[in-house]
Structure formats: structure tokens, C-alpha cells
Amino acid sequence: MRVLITVARLFYAERAVDKARNWFQRAVGVAGNRGDPDFGDAWAWWLKFEQQHGTVAQRDDVVKRCELAEPKHGDLWPVIAKDPANARKSTTDVLRLVAKSLASS
């Protein structure tokens, strides 16, 4: 899982938009790929990427897919999701908070 995200982030840093998008999709298991849809950090990195390089429709697609996956794991995801200040926040809200807290690619 982390390898897939790392590859996606490398392409993201190199501005290889199509390749980065494909690797983010692999990381979260879109279209039959063997990624892990429960790993929230992957969704957050993908959203951060789409916020910089994608369209509104692409950002909305990431958010909708993340809502369906309802991720619970990651390095940052559980820390932010379990913060008492975020107790009543939706998956979408947590996704945006995690994406905002990520370091630059």
C-alpha cells in the first residue's frame, strides 16, 4: 500500500498528472486494483493531488468514493478522525482535514 502511494507521490512531484492519478487509483483499489480502500491517508493524498491538478468533477469523484469506502486507517487519518474536536465530523470533513494537514508533495 505505502509503495503505491509513494510511487503516486513521486509522479505527483514530477507533475506527471496522468501517471500520478493512475497510481492513486491503484493505491485505493479503484477499478479492480488491489489497493486498500480502508487506508484514509491514500484518499487524502489523492484529494490533495486533485485539488491542485484536477477538475471539480475529479475532486468530487474522489470524495464520493472515499465516502463509500469509509476509511479508518492510516498514519494521519485516525489521529484526526479521533480528535475530540472532530468527533461529529463526516468522512468528507475528515478527508478534507487530513488532506489539508499533509505536507507538500
PDB file of N, CA and C in Angstrom:
ATOM      1  N   MET A   1       0.820  -1.190   0.000  1.00  0.00           N
ATOM      2  CA  MET A   1       0.000   0.000   0.000  1.00  0.00           C
ATOM      3  C   MET A   1       0.862   1.251   0.000  1.00  0.00           C
ATOM      4  N   ARG A   2       1.757   1.331   0.939  1.00  0.00           N
ATOM      5  CA  ARG A   2       2.593   2.526   1.055  1.00  0.00           C
ATOM      6  C   ARG A   2       3.487   2.703  -0.172  1.00  0.00           C
ATOM      7  N   VAL A   3       3.860   1.600  -0.784  1.00  0.00           N
ATOM      8  CA  VAL A   3       4.669   1.684  -2.003  1.00  0.00           C
ATOM      9  C   VAL A   3       3.857   2.345  -3.114  1.00  0.00           C
ATOM     10  N   LEU A   4       2.604   1.961  -3.234  1.00  0.00           N
ATOM     11  CA  LEU A   4       1.747   2.544  -4.276  1.00  0.00           C
ATOM     12  C   LEU A   4       1.570   4.048  -4.057  1.00  0.00           C
ATOM     13  N   ILE A   5       1.369   4.445  -2.817  1.00  0.00           N
ATOM     14  CA  ILE A   5       1.220   5.869  -2.514  1.00  0.00           C
ATOM     15  C   ILE A   5       2.525   6.614  -2.797  1.00  0.00           C
ATOM     16  N   THR A   6       3.634   5.996  -2.448  1.00  0.00           N
ATOM     17  CA  THR A   6       4.935   6.631  -2.682  1.00  0.00           C
ATOM     18  C   THR A   6       5.174   6.839  -4.170  1.00  0.00           C
ATOM     19  N   VAL A   7       4.854   5.839  -4.978  1.00  0.00           N
ATOM     20  CA  VAL A   7       5.012   5.981  -6.433  1.00  0.00           C
ATOM     21  C   VAL A   7       4.102   7.094  -6.943  1.00  0.00           C
ATOM     22  N   ALA A   8       2.861   7.109  -6.480  1.00  0.00           N
ATOM     23  CA  ALA A   8       1.925   8.158  -6.900  1.00  0.00           C
ATOM     24  C   ALA A   8       2.454   9.540  -6.522  1.00  0.00           C
ATOM     25  N   ARG A   9       3.004   9.654  -5.307  1.00  0.00           N
ATOM     26  CA  ARG A   9       3.541  10.940  -4.861  1.00  0.00           C
ATOM     27  C   ARG A   9       4.762  11.356  -5.670  1.00  0.00           C
ATOM     28  N   LEU A  10       5.562  10.396  -6.093  1.00  0.00           N
ATOM     29  CA  LEU A  10       6.711  10.725  -6.945  1.00  0.00           C
ATOM     30  C   LEU A  10       6.250  11.311  -8.273  1.00  0.00           C
ATOM     31  N   PHE A  11       5.262  10.668  -8.884  1.00  0.00           N
ATOM     32  CA  PHE A  11       4.722  11.197 -10.134  1.00  0.00           C
ATOM     33  C   PHE A  11       4.049  12.558  -9.902  1.00  0.00           C
ATOM     34  N   TYR A  12       3.397  12.713  -8.764  1.00  0.00           N
ATOM     35  CA  TYR A  12       2.766  13.980  -8.378  1.00  0.00           C
ATOM     36  C   TYR A  12       3.831  15.078  -8.310  1.00  0.00           C
ATOM     37  N   ALA A  13       4.941  14.794  -7.659  1.00  0.00           N
ATOM     38  CA  ALA A  13       6.021  15.775  -7.528  1.00  0.00           C
ATOM     39  C   ALA A  13       6.635  16.134  -8.879  1.00  0.00           C
ATOM     40  N   GLU A  14       6.637  15.170  -9.793  1.00  0.00           N
ATOM     41  CA  GLU A  14       7.204  15.392 -11.126  1.00  0.00           C
ATOM     42  C   GLU A  14       6.194  15.985 -12.096  1.00  0.00           C
ATOM     43  N   ARG A  15       4.992  16.250 -11.611  1.00  0.00           N
ATOM     44  CA  ARG A  15       3.906  16.807 -12.433  1.00  0.00           C
ATOM     45  C   ARG A  15       3.493  15.869 -13.570  1.00  0.00           C
ATOM     46  N   ALA A  16       3.680  14.577 -13.379  1.00  0.00           N
ATOM     47  CA  ALA A  16       3.203  13.570 -14.329  1.00  0.00           C
ATOM     48  C   ALA A  16       1.769  13.238 -13.910  1.00  0.00           C
ATOM     49  N   VAL A  17       0.848  14.104 -14.282  1.00  0.00           N
ATOM     50  CA  VAL A  17      -0.519  14.088 -13.776  1.00  0.00           C
ATOM     51  C   VAL A  17      -1.241  12.768 -14.047  1.00  0.00           C
ATOM     52  N   ASP A  18      -1.241  12.301 -15.275  1.00  0.00           N
ATOM     53  CA  ASP A  18      -1.967  11.070 -15.604  1.00  0.00           C
ATOM     54  C   ASP A  18      -1.395   9.864 -14.866  1.00  0.00           C
ATOM     55  N   LYS A  19      -0.079   9.778 -14.810  1.00  0.00           N
ATOM     56  CA  LYS A  19       0.555   8.657 -14.110  1.00  0.00           C
ATOM     57  C   LYS A  19       0.255   8.726 -12.617  1.00  0.00           C
ATOM     58  N   ALA A  20       0.328   9.902 -12.032  1.00  0.00           N
ATOM     59  CA  ALA A  20       0.037  10.057 -10.604  1.00  0.00           C
ATOM     60  C   ALA A  20      -1.400   9.650 -10.306  1.00  0.00           C
ATOM     61  N   ARG A  21      -2.333  10.106 -11.127  1.00  0.00           N
ATOM     62  CA  ARG A  21      -3.749   9.767 -10.926  1.00  0.00           C
ATOM     63  C   ARG A  21      -3.948   8.252 -10.990  1.00  0.00           C
ATOM     64  N   ASN A  22      -3.316   7.603 -11.955  1.00  0.00           N
ATOM     65  CA  ASN A  22      -3.441   6.144 -12.078  1.00  0.00           C
ATOM     66  C   ASN A  22      -2.901   5.429 -10.844  1.00  0.00           C
ATOM     67  N   TRP A  23      -1.795   5.898 -10.316  1.00  0.00           N
ATOM     68  CA  TRP A  23      -1.209   5.261  -9.137  1.00  0.00           C
ATOM     69  C   TRP A  23      -2.023   5.536  -7.882  1.00  0.00           C
ATOM     70  N   PHE A  24      -2.630   6.705  -7.766  1.00  0.00           N
ATOM     71  CA  PHE A  24      -3.526   6.955  -6.635  1.00  0.00           C
ATOM     72  C   PHE A  24      -4.736   6.025  -6.715  1.00  0.00           C
ATOM     73  N   GLN A  25      -5.250   5.817  -7.913  1.00  0.00           N
ATOM     74  CA  GLN A  25      -6.368   4.887  -8.090  1.00  0.00           C
ATOM     75  C   GLN A  25      -5.965   3.473  -7.683  1.00  0.00           C
ATOM     76  N   ARG A  26      -4.777   3.080  -8.034  1.00  0.00           N
ATOM     77  CA  ARG A  26      -4.285   1.762  -7.625  1.00  0.00           C
ATOM     78  C   ARG A  26      -4.183   1.666  -6.106  1.00  0.00           C
ATOM     79  N   ALA A  27      -3.711   2.719  -5.480  1.00  0.00           N
ATOM     80  CA  ALA A  27      -3.489   2.709  -4.029  1.00  0.00           C
ATOM     81  C   ALA A  27      -4.786   2.502  -3.246  1.00  0.00           C
ATOM     82  N   VAL A  28      -5.898   3.024  -3.762  1.00  0.00           N
ATOM     83  CA  VAL A  28      -7.164   2.888  -3.043  1.00  0.00           C
ATOM     84  C   VAL A  28      -8.055   1.787  -3.615  1.00  0.00           C
ATOM     85  N   GLY A  29      -7.582   1.089  -4.620  1.00  0.00           N
ATOM     86  CA  GLY A  29      -8.330  -0.048  -5.140  1.00  0.00           C
ATOM     87  C   GLY A  29      -9.453   0.294  -6.090  1.00  0.00           C
ATOM     88  N   VAL A  30      -9.324   1.373  -6.839  1.00  0.00           N
ATOM     89  CA  VAL A  30     -10.335   1.748  -7.818  1.00  0.00           C
ATOM     90  C   VAL A  30     -10.219   0.846  -9.044  1.00  0.00           C
ATOM     91  N   ALA A  31     -11.361   0.505  -9.621  1.00  0.00           N
ATOM     92  CA  ALA A  31     -11.423  -0.263 -10.875  1.00  0.00           C
ATOM     93  C   ALA A  31     -10.736  -1.625 -10.766  1.00  0.00           C
ATOM     94  N   GLY A  32     -10.971  -2.314  -9.672  1.00  0.00           N
ATOM     95  CA  GLY A  32     -10.461  -3.668  -9.536  1.00  0.00           C
ATOM     96  C   GLY A  32      -9.001  -3.780  -9.149  1.00  0.00           C
ATOM     97  N   ASN A  33      -8.333  -2.655  -8.914  1.00  0.00           N
ATOM     98  CA  ASN A  33      -6.941  -2.716  -8.476  1.00  0.00           C
ATOM     99  C   ASN A  33      -6.894  -3.267  -7.055  1.00  0.00           C
ATOM    100  N   ARG A  34      -5.741  -3.738  -6.644  1.00  0.00           N
ATOM    101  CA  ARG A  34      -5.609  -4.409  -5.356  1.00  0.00           C
ATOM    102  C   ARG A  34      -5.169  -3.478  -4.233  1.00  0.00           C
ATOM    103  N   GLY A  35      -5.518  -2.251  -4.298  1.00  0.00           N
ATOM    104  CA  GLY A  35      -5.156  -1.307  -3.251  1.00  0.00           C
ATOM    105  C   GLY A  35      -5.985  -1.519  -1.990  1.00  0.00           C
ATOM    106  N   ASP A  36      -5.889  -0.601  -1.066  1.00  0.00           N
ATOM    107  CA  ASP A  36      -6.588  -0.697   0.203  1.00  0.00           C
ATOM    108  C   ASP A  36      -7.504   0.507   0.389  1.00  0.00           C
ATOM    109  N   PRO A  37      -8.814   0.329   0.134  1.00  0.00           N
ATOM    110  CA  PRO A  37      -9.733   1.463   0.272  1.00  0.00           C
ATOM    111  C   PRO A  37      -9.918   1.918   1.718  1.00  0.00           C
ATOM    112  N   ASP A  38      -9.442   1.139   2.680  1.00  0.00           N
ATOM    113  CA  ASP A  38      -9.583   1.495   4.099  1.00  0.00           C
ATOM    114  C   ASP A  38      -8.450   2.398   4.591  1.00  0.00           C
ATOM    115  N   PHE A  39      -7.452   2.652   3.758  1.00  0.00           N
ATOM    116  CA  PHE A  39      -6.305   3.459   4.149  1.00  0.00           C
ATOM    117  C   PHE A  39      -6.597   4.926   3.831  1.00  0.00           C
ATOM    118  N   GLY A  40      -7.054   5.659   4.824  1.00  0.00           N
ATOM    119  CA  GLY A  40      -7.517   7.025   4.641  1.00  0.00           C
ATOM    120  C   GLY A  40      -6.471   7.997   4.134  1.00  0.00           C
ATOM    121  N   ASP A  41      -5.215   7.793   4.525  1.00  0.00           N
ATOM    122  CA  ASP A  41      -4.163   8.703   4.057  1.00  0.00           C
ATOM    123  C   ASP A  41      -4.039   8.690   2.535  1.00  0.00           C
ATOM    124  N   ALA A  42      -4.272   7.542   1.915  1.00  0.00           N
ATOM    125  CA  ALA A  42      -4.202   7.451   0.452  1.00  0.00           C
ATOM    126  C   ALA A  42      -5.276   8.322  -0.184  1.00  0.00           C
ATOM    127  N   TRP A  43      -6.475   8.275   0.380  1.00  0.00           N
ATOM    128  CA  TRP A  43      -7.557   9.122  -0.137  1.00  0.00           C
ATOM    129  C   TRP A  43      -7.203  10.603   0.014  1.00  0.00           C
ATOM    130  N   ALA A  44      -6.600  10.948   1.149  1.00  0.00           N
ATOM    131  CA  ALA A  44      -6.238  12.343   1.394  1.00  0.00           C
ATOM    132  C   ALA A  44      -5.178  12.826   0.415  1.00  0.00           C
ATOM    133  N   TRP A  45      -4.164  11.990   0.156  1.00  0.00           N
ATOM    134  CA  TRP A  45      -3.141  12.372  -0.835  1.00  0.00           C
ATOM    135  C   TRP A  45      -3.769  12.540  -2.215  1.00  0.00           C
ATOM    136  N   TRP A  46      -4.676  11.641  -2.559  1.00  0.00           N
ATOM    137  CA  TRP A  46      -5.321  11.719  -3.865  1.00  0.00           C
ATOM    138  C   TRP A  46      -6.146  13.005  -3.964  1.00  0.00           C
ATOM    139  N   LEU A  47      -6.894  13.330  -2.912  1.00  0.00           N
ATOM    140  CA  LEU A  47      -7.674  14.568  -2.940  1.00  0.00           C
ATOM    141  C   LEU A  47      -6.764  15.781  -3.047  1.00  0.00           C
ATOM    142  N   LYS A  48      -5.681  15.805  -2.291  1.00  0.00           N
ATOM    143  CA  LYS A  48      -4.737  16.925  -2.364  1.00  0.00           C
ATOM    144  C   LYS A  48      -4.210  17.084  -3.794  1.00  0.00           C
ATOM    145  N   PHE A  49      -3.876  15.969  -4.416  1.00  0.00           N
ATOM    146  CA  PHE A  49      -3.407  15.980  -5.803  1.00  0.00           C
ATOM    147  C   PHE A  49      -4.482  16.569  -6.721  1.00  0.00           C
ATOM    148  N   GLU A  50      -5.723  16.090  -6.590  1.00  0.00           N
ATOM    149  CA  GLU A  50      -6.802  16.566  -7.470  1.00  0.00           C
ATOM    150  C   GLU A  50      -7.133  18.036  -7.205  1.00  0.00           C
ATOM    151  N   GLN A  51      -6.946  18.515  -5.988  1.00  0.00           N
ATOM    152  CA  GLN A  51      -7.168  19.919  -5.702  1.00  0.00           C
ATOM    153  C   GLN A  51      -6.197  20.798  -6.475  1.00  0.00           C
ATOM    154  N   GLN A  52      -5.007  20.287  -6.741  1.00  0.00           N
ATOM    155  CA  GLN A  52      -4.013  21.065  -7.475  1.00  0.00           C
ATOM    156  C   GLN A  52      -4.061  20.822  -8.980  1.00  0.00           C
ATOM    157  N   HIS A  53      -4.412  19.615  -9.398  1.00  0.00           N
ATOM    158  CA  HIS A  53      -4.291  19.270 -10.813  1.00  0.00           C
ATOM    159  C   HIS A  53      -5.575  18.776 -11.468  1.00  0.00           C
ATOM    160  N   GLY A  54      -6.629  18.599 -10.700  1.00  0.00           N
ATOM    161  CA  GLY A  54      -7.847  18.025 -11.254  1.00  0.00           C
ATOM    162  C   GLY A  54      -8.956  19.043 -11.436  1.00  0.00           C
ATOM    163  N   THR A  55     -10.044  18.542 -11.962  1.00  0.00           N
ATOM    164  CA  THR A  55     -11.245  19.357 -12.144  1.00  0.00           C
ATOM    165  C   THR A  55     -12.147  19.186 -10.927  1.00  0.00           C
ATOM    166  N   VAL A  56     -13.179  19.983 -10.868  1.00  0.00           N
ATOM    167  CA  VAL A  56     -14.148  19.865  -9.779  1.00  0.00           C
ATOM    168  C   VAL A  56     -14.772  18.469  -9.801  1.00  0.00           C
ATOM    169  N   ALA A  57     -15.077  17.966 -10.982  1.00  0.00           N
ATOM    170  CA  ALA A  57     -15.674  16.633 -11.102  1.00  0.00           C
ATOM    171  C   ALA A  57     -14.725  15.558 -10.577  1.00  0.00           C
ATOM    172  N   GLN A  58     -13.438  15.699 -10.851  1.00  0.00           N
ATOM    173  CA  GLN A  58     -12.467  14.714 -10.362  1.00  0.00           C
ATOM    174  C   GLN A  58     -12.342  14.783  -8.841  1.00  0.00           C
ATOM    175  N   ARG A  59     -12.364  15.970  -8.288  1.00  0.00           N
ATOM    176  CA  ARG A  59     -12.320  16.116  -6.815  1.00  0.00           C
ATOM    177  C   ARG A  59     -13.568  15.513  -6.192  1.00  0.00           C
ATOM    178  N   ASP A  60     -14.718  15.802  -6.780  1.00  0.00           N
ATOM    179  CA  ASP A  60     -15.976  15.256  -6.261  1.00  0.00           C
ATOM    180  C   ASP A  60     -15.995  13.735  -6.331  1.00  0.00           C
ATOM    181  N   ASP A  61     -15.405  13.186  -7.392  1.00  0.00           N
ATOM    182  CA  ASP A  61     -15.346  11.733  -7.545  1.00  0.00           C
ATOM    183  C   ASP A  61     -14.516  11.103  -6.424  1.00  0.00           C
ATOM    184  N   VAL A  62     -13.384  11.712  -6.094  1.00  0.00           N
ATOM    185  CA  VAL A  62     -12.546  11.207  -5.003  1.00  0.00           C
ATOM    186  C   VAL A  62     -13.325  11.247  -3.693  1.00  0.00           C
ATOM    187  N   VAL A  63     -14.006  12.344  -3.439  1.00  0.00           N
ATOM    188  CA  VAL A  63     -14.770  12.492  -2.201  1.00  0.00           C
ATOM    189  C   VAL A  63     -15.872  11.442  -2.126  1.00  0.00           C
ATOM    190  N   LYS A  64     -16.625  11.246  -3.209  1.00  0.00           N
ATOM    191  CA  LYS A  64     -17.713  10.264  -3.216  1.00  0.00           C
ATOM    192  C   LYS A  64     -17.190   8.851  -2.995  1.00  0.00           C
ATOM    193  N   ARG A  65     -16.095   8.514  -3.659  1.00  0.00           N
ATOM    194  CA  ARG A  65     -15.519   7.169  -3.495  1.00  0.00           C
ATOM    195  C   ARG A  65     -15.006   6.964  -2.075  1.00  0.00           C
ATOM    196  N   CYS A  66     -14.440   7.998  -1.510  1.00  0.00           N
ATOM    197  CA  CYS A  66     -13.952   7.912  -0.131  1.00  0.00           C
ATOM    198  C   CYS A  66     -15.115   7.716   0.842  1.00  0.00           C
ATOM    199  N   GLU A  67     -16.202   8.439   0.623  1.00  0.00           N
ATOM    200  CA  GLU A  67     -17.379   8.273   1.474  1.00  0.00           C
ATOM    201  C   GLU A  67     -17.870   6.833   1.447  1.00  0.00           C
ATOM    202  N   LEU A  68     -17.881   6.233   0.266  1.00  0.00           N
ATOM    203  CA  LEU A  68     -18.324   4.839   0.138  1.00  0.00           C
ATOM    204  C   LEU A  68     -17.365   3.870   0.829  1.00  0.00           C
ATOM    205  N   ALA A  69     -16.081   4.163   0.775  1.00  0.00           N
ATOM    206  CA  ALA A  69     -15.072   3.282   1.367  1.00  0.00           C
ATOM    207  C   ALA A  69     -15.031   3.393   2.890  1.00  0.00           C
ATOM    208  N   GLU A  70     -15.398   4.546   3.423  1.00  0.00           N
ATOM    209  CA  GLU A  70     -15.361   4.814   4.856  1.00  0.00           C
ATOM    210  C   GLU A  70     -14.043   4.362   5.494  1.00  0.00           C
ATOM    211  N   PRO A  71     -12.922   4.953   5.083  1.00  0.00           N
ATOM    212  CA  PRO A  71     -11.612   4.528   5.607  1.00  0.00           C
ATOM    213  C   PRO A  71     -11.483   4.785   7.104  1.00  0.00           C
ATOM    214  N   LYS A  72     -10.668   3.953   7.734  1.00  0.00           N
ATOM    215  CA  LYS A  72     -10.445   4.075   9.174  1.00  0.00           C
ATOM    216  C   LYS A  72      -8.969   4.057   9.551  1.00  0.00           C
ATOM    217  N   HIS A  73      -8.088   3.711   8.626  1.00  0.00           N
ATOM    218  CA  HIS A  73      -6.678   3.523   8.955  1.00  0.00           C
ATOM    219  C   HIS A  73      -5.778   4.508   8.221  1.00  0.00           C
ATOM    220  N   GLY A  74      -4.526   4.555   8.652  1.00  0.00           N
ATOM    221  CA  GLY A  74      -3.520   5.417   8.066  1.00  0.00           C
ATOM    222  C   GLY A  74      -2.637   5.971   9.166  1.00  0.00           C
ATOM    223  N   ASP A  75      -1.733   6.827   8.803  1.00  0.00           N
ATOM    224  CA  ASP A  75      -0.872   7.471   9.788  1.00  0.00           C
ATOM    225  C   ASP A  75      -1.556   8.704  10.377  1.00  0.00           C
ATOM    226  N   LEU A  76      -2.142   9.522   9.517  1.00  0.00           N
ATOM    227  CA  LEU A  76      -2.802  10.750   9.964  1.00  0.00           C
ATOM    228  C   LEU A  76      -4.307  10.592  10.156  1.00  0.00           C
ATOM    229  N   TRP A  77      -4.919   9.753   9.331  1.00  0.00           N
ATOM    230  CA  TRP A  77      -6.378   9.622   9.343  1.00  0.00           C
ATOM    231  C   TRP A  77      -6.933   9.353  10.744  1.00  0.00           C
ATOM    232  N   PRO A  78      -6.490   8.301  11.450  1.00  0.00           N
ATOM    233  CA  PRO A  78      -7.091   8.042  12.760  1.00  0.00           C
ATOM    234  C   PRO A  78      -6.792   9.129  13.794  1.00  0.00           C
ATOM    235  N   VAL A  79      -5.642   9.761  13.691  1.00  0.00           N
ATOM    236  CA  VAL A  79      -5.300  10.834  14.624  1.00  0.00           C
ATOM    237  C   VAL A  79      -6.294  11.980  14.487  1.00  0.00           C
ATOM    238  N   ILE A  80      -6.575  12.354  13.259  1.00  0.00           N
ATOM    239  CA  ILE A  80      -7.503  13.466  13.016  1.00  0.00           C
ATOM    240  C   ILE A  80      -8.947  13.040  13.261  1.00  0.00           C
ATOM    241  N   ALA A  81      -9.311  11.841  12.822  1.00  0.00           N
ATOM    242  CA  ALA A  81     -10.688  11.370  12.980  1.00  0.00           C
ATOM    243  C   ALA A  81     -11.060  11.186  14.453  1.00  0.00           C
ATOM    244  N   LYS A  82     -10.097  10.781  15.276  1.00  0.00           N
ATOM    245  CA  LYS A  82     -10.381  10.517  16.687  1.00  0.00           C
ATOM    246  C   LYS A  82     -10.160  11.727  17.598  1.00  0.00           C
ATOM    247  N   ASP A  83      -9.725  12.813  17.036  1.00  0.00           N
ATOM    248  CA  ASP A  83      -9.567  14.039  17.811  1.00  0.00           C
ATOM    249  C   ASP A  83     -10.952  14.452  18.318  1.00  0.00           C
ATOM    250  N   PRO A  84     -11.102  14.690  19.611  1.00  0.00           N
ATOM    251  CA  PRO A  84     -12.416  15.069  20.144  1.00  0.00           C
ATOM    252  C   PRO A  84     -13.047  16.268  19.433  1.00  0.00           C
ATOM    253  N   ALA A  85     -12.240  17.164  18.931  1.00  0.00           N
ATOM    254  CA  ALA A  85     -12.768  18.329  18.203  1.00  0.00           C
ATOM    255  C   ALA A  85     -13.447  17.919  16.897  1.00  0.00           C
ATOM    256  N   ASN A  86     -13.118  16.722  16.393  1.00  0.00           N
ATOM    257  CA  ASN A  86     -13.672  16.253  15.121  1.00  0.00           C
ATOM    258  C   ASN A  86     -14.665  15.112  15.309  1.00  0.00           C
ATOM    259  N   ALA A  87     -15.159  14.937  16.508  1.00  0.00           N
ATOM    260  CA  ALA A  87     -15.993  13.782  16.855  1.00  0.00           C
ATOM    261  C   ALA A  87     -17.230  13.623  15.977  1.00  0.00           C
ATOM    262  N   ARG A  88     -17.852  14.659  15.611  1.00  0.00           N
ATOM    263  CA  ARG A  88     -19.100  14.572  14.836  1.00  0.00           C
ATOM    264  C   ARG A  88     -18.913  14.888  13.351  1.00  0.00           C
ATOM    265  N   LYS A  89     -17.690  14.924  12.919  1.00  0.00           N
ATOM    266  CA  LYS A  89     -17.419  15.260  11.507  1.00  0.00           C
ATOM    267  C   LYS A  89     -17.654  14.046  10.618  1.00  0.00           C
ATOM    268  N   SER A  90     -18.094  14.325   9.412  1.00  0.00           N
ATOM    269  CA  SER A  90     -18.350  13.268   8.430  1.00  0.00           C
ATOM    270  C   SER A  90     -17.039  12.783   7.818  1.00  0.00           C
ATOM    271  N   THR A  91     -17.131  11.704   7.066  1.00  0.00           N
ATOM    272  CA  THR A  91     -15.965  11.183   6.350  1.00  0.00           C
ATOM    273  C   THR A  91     -15.398  12.251   5.428  1.00  0.00           C
ATOM    274  N   THR A  92     -16.257  12.984   4.761  1.00  0.00           N
ATOM    275  CA  THR A  92     -15.810  14.043   3.856  1.00  0.00           C
ATOM    276  C   THR A  92     -15.053  15.131   4.614  1.00  0.00           C
ATOM    277  N   ASP A  93     -15.563  15.507   5.761  1.00  0.00           N
ATOM    278  CA  ASP A  93     -14.889  16.536   6.557  1.00  0.00           C
ATOM    279  C   ASP A  93     -13.513  16.061   7.019  1.00  0.00           C
ATOM    280  N   VAL A  94     -13.439  14.814   7.480  1.00  0.00           N
ATOM    281  CA  VAL A  94     -12.157  14.254   7.923  1.00  0.00           C
ATOM    282  C   VAL A  94     -11.196  14.173   6.745  1.00  0.00           C
ATOM    283  N   LEU A  95     -11.699  13.746   5.589  1.00  0.00           N
ATOM    284  CA  LEU A  95     -10.873  13.669   4.386  1.00  0.00           C
ATOM    285  C   LEU A  95     -10.245  15.031   4.081  1.00  0.00           C
ATOM    286  N   ARG A  96     -11.033  16.068   4.119  1.00  0.00           N
ATOM    287  CA  ARG A  96     -10.519  17.408   3.818  1.00  0.00           C
ATOM    288  C   ARG A  96      -9.532  17.888   4.864  1.00  0.00           C
ATOM    289  N   LEU A  97      -9.774  17.563   6.127  1.00  0.00           N
ATOM    290  CA  LEU A  97      -8.842  17.941   7.192  1.00  0.00           C
ATOM    291  C   LEU A  97      -7.498  17.223   7.047  1.00  0.00           C
ATOM    292  N   VAL A  98      -7.555  15.929   6.720  1.00  0.00           N
ATOM    293  CA  VAL A  98      -6.319  15.167   6.542  1.00  0.00           C
ATOM    294  C   VAL A  98      -5.564  15.695   5.331  1.00  0.00           C
ATOM    295  N   ALA A  99      -6.266  15.928   4.216  1.00  0.00           N
ATOM    296  CA  ALA A  99      -5.611  16.444   3.010  1.00  0.00           C
ATOM    297  C   ALA A  99      -4.958  17.797   3.283  1.00  0.00           C
ATOM    298  N   LYS A 100      -5.612  18.621   4.061  1.00  0.00           N
ATOM    299  CA  LYS A 100      -5.074  19.944   4.387  1.00  0.00           C
ATOM    300  C   LYS A 100      -3.818  19.834   5.267  1.00  0.00           C
ATOM    301  N   SER A 101      -3.771  18.799   6.105  1.00  0.00           N
ATOM    302  CA  SER A 101      -2.648  18.647   7.030  1.00  0.00           C
ATOM    303  C   SER A 101      -1.437  17.974   6.418  1.00  0.00           C
ATOM    304  N   LEU A 102      -1.578  17.419   5.213  1.00  0.00           N
ATOM    305  CA  LEU A 102      -0.456  16.734   4.563  1.00  0.00           C
ATOM    306  C   LEU A 102       0.635  17.730   4.151  1.00  0.00           C
ATOM    307  N   ALA A 103       1.870  17.286   4.272  1.00  0.00           N
ATOM    308  CA  ALA A 103       2.993  18.098   3.804  1.00  0.00           C
ATOM    309  C   ALA A 103       2.950  18.177   2.290  1.00  0.00           C
ATOM    310  N   SER A 104       3.616  19.137   1.741  1.00  0.00           N
ATOM    311  CA  SER A 104       3.685  19.259   0.288  1.00  0.00           C
ATOM    312  C   SER A 104       4.341  18.032  -0.296  1.00  0.00           C
ATOM    313  N   SER A 105       3.943  17.713  -1.511  1.00  0.00           N
ATOM    314  CA  SER A 105       4.470  16.502  -2.162  1.00  0.00           C
ATOM    315  C   SER A 105       5.964  16.602  -2.429  1.00  0.00           C
TER     316      SER A 105
END
